[in-house]
């Protein structure tokens, strides 16, 4: 169980680091929600979240077997 928690923590750290760098290179997929107003910006990467979820599910299923 501890190995799974450590692995999950490392994955979250890597995702955070990648998210920081992808923000700098404007990594936005079609389908991501971006709302810009005068003093307000809302960005919700729904398609990116779905793709990451699929990739993580595949990776975890490979390690599970």
PDB file of N, CA and C in Angstrom:
ATOM      1  N   UNK A   1       0.822  -1.193   0.000  1.00  0.00           N
ATOM      2  CA  UNK A   1       0.000   0.000   0.000  1.00  0.00           C
ATOM      3  C   UNK A   1       0.864   1.254   0.000  1.00  0.00           C
ATOM      4  N   UNK A   2       1.947   1.250   0.783  1.00  0.00           N
ATOM      5  CA  UNK A   2       2.805   2.434   0.854  1.00  0.00           C
ATOM      6  C   UNK A   2       3.467   2.714  -0.486  1.00  0.00           C
ATOM      7  N   UNK A   3       3.821   1.646  -1.202  1.00  0.00           N
ATOM      8  CA  UNK A   3       4.438   1.834  -2.518  1.00  0.00           C
ATOM      9  C   UNK A   3       3.461   2.516  -3.473  1.00  0.00           C
ATOM     10  N   UNK A   4       2.195   2.148  -3.385  1.00  0.00           N
ATOM     11  CA  UNK A   4       1.181   2.768  -4.243  1.00  0.00           C
ATOM     12  C   UNK A   4       1.025   4.248  -3.927  1.00  0.00           C
ATOM     13  N   UNK A   5       1.032   4.598  -2.644  1.00  0.00           N
ATOM     14  CA  UNK A   5       0.907   6.002  -2.258  1.00  0.00           C
ATOM     15  C   UNK A   5       2.122   6.814  -2.687  1.00  0.00           C
ATOM     16  N   UNK A   6       3.303   6.231  -2.543  1.00  0.00           N
ATOM     17  CA  UNK A   6       4.516   6.923  -2.986  1.00  0.00           C
ATOM     18  C   UNK A   6       4.490   7.100  -4.496  1.00  0.00           C
ATOM     19  N   UNK A   7       4.084   6.067  -5.221  1.00  0.00           N
ATOM     20  CA  UNK A   7       3.988   6.155  -6.678  1.00  0.00           C
ATOM     21  C   UNK A   7       2.980   7.218  -7.094  1.00  0.00           C
ATOM     22  N   UNK A   8       1.831   7.245  -6.439  1.00  0.00           N
ATOM     23  CA  UNK A   8       0.813   8.247  -6.747  1.00  0.00           C
ATOM     24  C   UNK A   8       1.334   9.655  -6.468  1.00  0.00           C
ATOM     25  N   UNK A   9       2.047   9.825  -5.373  1.00  0.00           N
ATOM     26  CA  UNK A   9       2.637  11.121  -5.055  1.00  0.00           C
ATOM     27  C   UNK A   9       3.638  11.565  -6.103  1.00  0.00           C
ATOM     28  N   UNK A  10       4.480  10.646  -6.551  1.00  0.00           N
ATOM     29  CA  UNK A  10       5.454  10.979  -7.594  1.00  0.00           C
ATOM     30  C   UNK A  10       4.774  11.335  -8.908  1.00  0.00           C
ATOM     31  N   UNK A  11       3.726  10.609  -9.240  1.00  0.00           N
ATOM     32  CA  UNK A  11       2.977  10.911 -10.462  1.00  0.00           C
ATOM     33  C   UNK A  11       2.362  12.305 -10.375  1.00  0.00           C
ATOM     34  N   UNK A  12       1.793  12.650  -9.234  1.00  0.00           N
ATOM     35  CA  UNK A  12       1.199  13.976  -9.069  1.00  0.00           C
ATOM     36  C   UNK A  12       2.252  15.077  -9.146  1.00  0.00           C
ATOM     37  N   UNK A  13       3.424  14.831  -8.598  1.00  0.00           N
ATOM     38  CA  UNK A  13       4.507  15.814  -8.697  1.00  0.00           C
ATOM     39  C   UNK A  13       4.933  15.996 -10.146  1.00  0.00           C
ATOM     40  N   UNK A  14       5.070  14.898 -10.874  1.00  0.00           N
ATOM     41  CA  UNK A  14       5.458  14.981 -12.286  1.00  0.00           C
ATOM     42  C   UNK A  14       4.393  15.708 -13.094  1.00  0.00           C
ATOM     43  N   UNK A  15       3.126  15.430 -12.833  1.00  0.00           N
ATOM     44  CA  UNK A  15       2.045  16.122 -13.536  1.00  0.00           C
ATOM     45  C   UNK A  15       2.081  17.613 -13.227  1.00  0.00           C
ATOM     46  N   UNK A  16       2.347  17.964 -11.982  1.00  0.00           N
ATOM     47  CA  UNK A  16       2.447  19.375 -11.615  1.00  0.00           C
ATOM     48  C   UNK A  16       3.588  20.078 -12.324  1.00  0.00           C
ATOM     49  N   UNK A  17       4.736  19.423 -12.401  1.00  0.00           N
ATOM     50  CA  UNK A  17       5.888  20.009 -13.092  1.00  0.00           C
ATOM     51  C   UNK A  17       5.603  20.144 -14.577  1.00  0.00           C
ATOM     52  N   UNK A  18       5.033  19.106 -15.179  1.00  0.00           N
ATOM     53  CA  UNK A  18       4.697  19.180 -16.603  1.00  0.00           C
ATOM     54  C   UNK A  18       3.652  20.257 -16.866  1.00  0.00           C
ATOM     55  N   UNK A  19       2.684  20.380 -15.983  1.00  0.00           N
ATOM     56  CA  UNK A  19       1.670  21.427 -16.132  1.00  0.00           C
ATOM     57  C   UNK A  19       2.274  22.808 -16.087  1.00  0.00           C
ATOM     58  N   UNK A  20       3.265  22.986 -15.228  1.00  0.00           N
ATOM     59  CA  UNK A  20       3.944  24.283 -15.132  1.00  0.00           C
ATOM     60  C   UNK A  20       4.651  24.620 -16.443  1.00  0.00           C
ATOM     61  N   UNK A  21       5.341  23.641 -17.035  1.00  0.00           N
ATOM     62  CA  UNK A  21       6.060  23.900 -18.274  1.00  0.00           C
ATOM     63  C   UNK A  21       5.126  23.981 -19.477  1.00  0.00           C
ATOM     64  N   UNK A  22       4.044  23.184 -19.498  1.00  0.00           N
ATOM     65  CA  UNK A  22       3.093  23.253 -20.606  1.00  0.00           C
ATOM     66  C   UNK A  22       2.363  24.585 -20.628  1.00  0.00           C
ATOM     67  N   UNK A  23       2.192  25.198 -19.466  1.00  0.00           N
ATOM     68  CA  UNK A  23       1.561  26.513 -19.406  1.00  0.00           C
ATOM     69  C   UNK A  23       2.416  27.542 -20.136  1.00  0.00           C
ATOM     70  N   UNK A  24       3.723  27.405 -20.046  1.00  0.00           N
ATOM     71  CA  UNK A  24       4.642  28.341 -20.688  1.00  0.00           C
ATOM     72  C   UNK A  24       4.629  28.203 -22.210  1.00  0.00           C
ATOM     73  N   UNK A  25       4.352  26.984 -22.734  1.00  0.00           N
ATOM     74  CA  UNK A  25       4.370  26.787 -24.184  1.00  0.00           C
ATOM     75  C   UNK A  25       2.961  26.753 -24.780  1.00  0.00           C
ATOM     76  N   UNK A  26       1.975  27.183 -24.018  1.00  0.00           N
ATOM     77  CA  UNK A  26       0.582  27.249 -24.481  1.00  0.00           C
ATOM     78  C   UNK A  26       0.069  25.905 -24.985  1.00  0.00           C
ATOM     79  N   UNK A  27       0.181  24.893 -24.167  1.00  0.00           N
ATOM     80  CA  UNK A  27      -0.321  23.561 -24.495  1.00  0.00           C
ATOM     81  C   UNK A  27      -1.808  23.522 -24.181  1.00  0.00           C
ATOM     82  N   UNK A  28      -2.627  23.862 -25.172  1.00  0.00           N
ATOM     83  CA  UNK A  28      -4.075  23.867 -24.994  1.00  0.00           C
ATOM     84  C   UNK A  28      -4.698  23.025 -26.105  1.00  0.00           C
ATOM     85  N   UNK A  29      -5.471  22.052 -25.719  1.00  0.00           N
ATOM     86  CA  UNK A  29      -6.134  21.196 -26.690  1.00  0.00           C
ATOM     87  C   UNK A  29      -7.491  21.771 -27.062  1.00  0.00           C
ATOM     88  N   UNK A  30      -7.964  21.465 -28.269  1.00  0.00           N
ATOM     89  CA  UNK A  30      -9.327  21.868 -28.614  1.00  0.00           C
ATOM     90  C   UNK A  30     -10.310  21.182 -27.661  1.00  0.00           C
ATOM     91  N   UNK A  31     -11.252  21.922 -27.159  1.00  0.00           N
ATOM     92  CA  UNK A  31     -12.205  21.384 -26.198  1.00  0.00           C
ATOM     93  C   UNK A  31     -11.945  21.872 -24.789  1.00  0.00           C
ATOM     94  N   UNK A  32     -10.762  22.416 -24.535  1.00  0.00           N
ATOM     95  CA  UNK A  32     -10.483  23.018 -23.234  1.00  0.00           C
ATOM     96  C   UNK A  32     -11.237  24.337 -23.140  1.00  0.00           C
ATOM     97  N   UNK A  33     -11.758  24.633 -21.973  1.00  0.00           N
ATOM     98  CA  UNK A  33     -12.597  25.819 -21.782  1.00  0.00           C
ATOM     99  C   UNK A  33     -11.731  26.986 -21.335  1.00  0.00           C
ATOM    100  N   UNK A  34     -11.815  28.094 -22.069  1.00  0.00           N
ATOM    101  CA  UNK A  34     -11.074  29.305 -21.730  1.00  0.00           C
ATOM    102  C   UNK A  34     -12.026  30.489 -21.815  1.00  0.00           C
ATOM    103  N   UNK A  35     -12.215  31.163 -20.688  1.00  0.00           N
ATOM    104  CA  UNK A  35     -13.080  32.337 -20.626  1.00  0.00           C
ATOM    105  C   UNK A  35     -12.228  33.508 -20.161  1.00  0.00           C
ATOM    106  N   UNK A  36     -12.163  34.548 -20.991  1.00  0.00           N
ATOM    107  CA  UNK A  36     -11.387  35.742 -20.633  1.00  0.00           C
ATOM    108  C   UNK A  36     -12.323  36.934 -20.554  1.00  0.00           C
ATOM    109  N   UNK A  37     -12.284  37.620 -19.432  1.00  0.00           N
ATOM    110  CA  UNK A  37     -13.008  38.876 -19.238  1.00  0.00           C
ATOM    111  C   UNK A  37     -11.969  39.950 -18.942  1.00  0.00           C
ATOM    112  N   UNK A  38     -12.417  41.136 -18.559  1.00  0.00           N
ATOM    113  CA  UNK A  38     -11.486  42.229 -18.311  1.00  0.00           C
ATOM    114  C   UNK A  38     -10.471  41.891 -17.218  1.00  0.00           C
ATOM    115  N   UNK A  39     -10.936  41.555 -16.035  1.00  0.00           N
ATOM    116  CA  UNK A  39     -10.046  41.261 -14.913  1.00  0.00           C
ATOM    117  C   UNK A  39     -10.150  39.812 -14.454  1.00  0.00           C
ATOM    118  N   UNK A  40     -10.555  38.939 -15.347  1.00  0.00           N
ATOM    119  CA  UNK A  40     -10.841  37.567 -14.949  1.00  0.00           C
ATOM    120  C   UNK A  40     -10.476  36.617 -16.079  1.00  0.00           C
ATOM    121  N   UNK A  41      -9.767  35.558 -15.747  1.00  0.00           N
ATOM    122  CA  UNK A  41      -9.467  34.506 -16.713  1.00  0.00           C
ATOM    123  C   UNK A  41      -9.767  33.164 -16.057  1.00  0.00           C
ATOM    124  N   UNK A  42     -10.558  32.342 -16.751  1.00  0.00           N
ATOM    125  CA  UNK A  42     -10.899  31.016 -16.255  1.00  0.00           C
ATOM    126  C   UNK A  42     -10.491  30.006 -17.315  1.00  0.00           C
ATOM    127  N   UNK A  43      -9.656  29.053 -16.933  1.00  0.00           N
ATOM    128  CA  UNK A  43      -9.202  28.019 -17.854  1.00  0.00           C
ATOM    129  C   UNK A  43      -9.458  26.663 -17.213  1.00  0.00           C
ATOM    130  N   UNK A  44     -10.256  25.838 -17.872  1.00  0.00           N
ATOM    131  CA  UNK A  44     -10.533  24.491 -17.385  1.00  0.00           C
ATOM    132  C   UNK A  44     -10.168  23.494 -18.480  1.00  0.00           C
ATOM    133  N   UNK A  45      -9.075  22.765 -18.299  1.00  0.00           N
ATOM    134  CA  UNK A  45      -8.591  21.845 -19.340  1.00  0.00           C
ATOM    135  C   UNK A  45      -9.307  20.495 -19.310  1.00  0.00           C
ATOM    136  N   UNK A  46     -10.568  20.482 -19.695  1.00  0.00           N
ATOM    137  CA  UNK A  46     -11.363  19.255 -19.587  1.00  0.00           C
ATOM    138  C   UNK A  46     -10.852  18.148 -20.509  1.00  0.00           C
ATOM    139  N   UNK A  47     -10.508  18.478 -21.746  1.00  0.00           N
ATOM    140  CA  UNK A  47     -10.017  17.456 -22.679  1.00  0.00           C
ATOM    141  C   UNK A  47      -8.658  16.941 -22.213  1.00  0.00           C
ATOM    142  N   UNK A  48      -7.815  17.839 -21.734  1.00  0.00           N
ATOM    143  CA  UNK A  48      -6.513  17.436 -21.215  1.00  0.00           C
ATOM    144  C   UNK A  48      -6.684  16.505 -20.017  1.00  0.00           C
ATOM    145  N   UNK A  49      -7.628  16.800 -19.140  1.00  0.00           N
ATOM    146  CA  UNK A  49      -7.894  15.940 -17.977  1.00  0.00           C
ATOM    147  C   UNK A  49      -8.376  14.559 -18.409  1.00  0.00           C
ATOM    148  N   UNK A  50      -9.220  14.508 -19.417  1.00  0.00           N
ATOM    149  CA  UNK A  50      -9.725  13.217 -19.900  1.00  0.00           C
ATOM    150  C   UNK A  50      -8.594  12.388 -20.493  1.00  0.00           C
ATOM    151  N   UNK A  51      -7.738  13.020 -21.292  1.00  0.00           N
ATOM    152  CA  UNK A  51      -6.612  12.301 -21.898  1.00  0.00           C
ATOM    153  C   UNK A  51      -5.651  11.801 -20.824  1.00  0.00           C
ATOM    154  N   UNK A  52      -5.334  12.651 -19.841  1.00  0.00           N
ATOM    155  CA  UNK A  52      -4.459  12.219 -18.751  1.00  0.00           C
ATOM    156  C   UNK A  52      -5.087  11.085 -17.952  1.00  0.00           C
ATOM    157  N   UNK A  53      -6.387  11.122 -17.756  1.00  0.00           N
ATOM    158  CA  UNK A  53      -7.077  10.062 -17.036  1.00  0.00           C
ATOM    159  C   UNK A  53      -6.974   8.738 -17.787  1.00  0.00           C
ATOM    160  N   UNK A  54      -7.151   8.774 -19.087  1.00  0.00           N
ATOM    161  CA  UNK A  54      -7.042   7.553 -19.896  1.00  0.00           C
ATOM    162  C   UNK A  54      -5.625   7.001 -19.842  1.00  0.00           C
ATOM    163  N   UNK A  55      -4.634   7.878 -19.976  1.00  0.00           N
ATOM    164  CA  UNK A  55      -3.236   7.441 -19.946  1.00  0.00           C
ATOM    165  C   UNK A  55      -2.884   6.837 -18.590  1.00  0.00           C
ATOM    166  N   UNK A  56      -3.282   7.511 -17.507  1.00  0.00           N
ATOM    167  CA  UNK A  56      -2.987   6.982 -16.173  1.00  0.00           C
ATOM    168  C   UNK A  56      -3.710   5.666 -15.909  1.00  0.00           C
ATOM    169  N   UNK A  57      -4.928   5.526 -16.407  1.00  0.00           N
ATOM    170  CA  UNK A  57      -5.658   4.272 -16.251  1.00  0.00           C
ATOM    171  C   UNK A  57      -4.934   3.135 -16.959  1.00  0.00           C
ATOM    172  N   UNK A  58      -4.461   3.387 -18.167  1.00  0.00           N
ATOM    173  CA  UNK A  58      -3.716   2.362 -18.900  1.00  0.00           C
ATOM    174  C   UNK A  58      -2.423   1.988 -18.176  1.00  0.00           C
ATOM    175  N   UNK A  59      -1.695   2.993 -17.693  1.00  0.00           N
ATOM    176  CA  UNK A  59      -0.436   2.728 -16.991  1.00  0.00           C
ATOM    177  C   UNK A  59      -0.683   1.929 -15.714  1.00  0.00           C
ATOM    178  N   UNK A  60      -1.683   2.323 -14.936  1.00  0.00           N
ATOM    179  CA  UNK A  60      -1.964   1.609 -13.689  1.00  0.00           C
ATOM    180  C   UNK A  60      -2.465   0.193 -13.943  1.00  0.00           C
ATOM    181  N   UNK A  61      -3.217  -0.015 -15.018  1.00  0.00           N
ATOM    182  CA  UNK A  61      -3.670  -1.369 -15.351  1.00  0.00           C
ATOM    183  C   UNK A  61      -2.504  -2.253 -15.776  1.00  0.00           C
ATOM    184  N   UNK A  62      -1.507  -1.670 -16.432  1.00  0.00           N
ATOM    185  CA  UNK A  62      -0.326  -2.445 -16.815  1.00  0.00           C
ATOM    186  C   UNK A  62       0.439  -2.878 -15.566  1.00  0.00           C
ATOM    187  N   UNK A  63       0.611  -1.950 -14.595  1.00  0.00           N
ATOM    188  CA  UNK A  63       1.329  -2.289 -13.366  1.00  0.00           C
ATOM    189  C   UNK A  63       0.535  -3.245 -12.482  1.00  0.00           C
ATOM    190  N   UNK A  64      -0.783  -3.219 -12.601  1.00  0.00           N
ATOM    191  CA  UNK A  64      -1.635  -4.064 -11.766  1.00  0.00           C
ATOM    192  C   UNK A  64      -1.500  -5.541 -12.148  1.00  0.00           C
ATOM    193  N   UNK A  65      -1.256  -5.816 -13.423  1.00  0.00           N
ATOM    194  CA  UNK A  65      -1.184  -7.203 -13.904  1.00  0.00           C
ATOM    195  C   UNK A  65       0.135  -7.830 -13.658  1.00  0.00           C
TER     196      UNK A  65
END
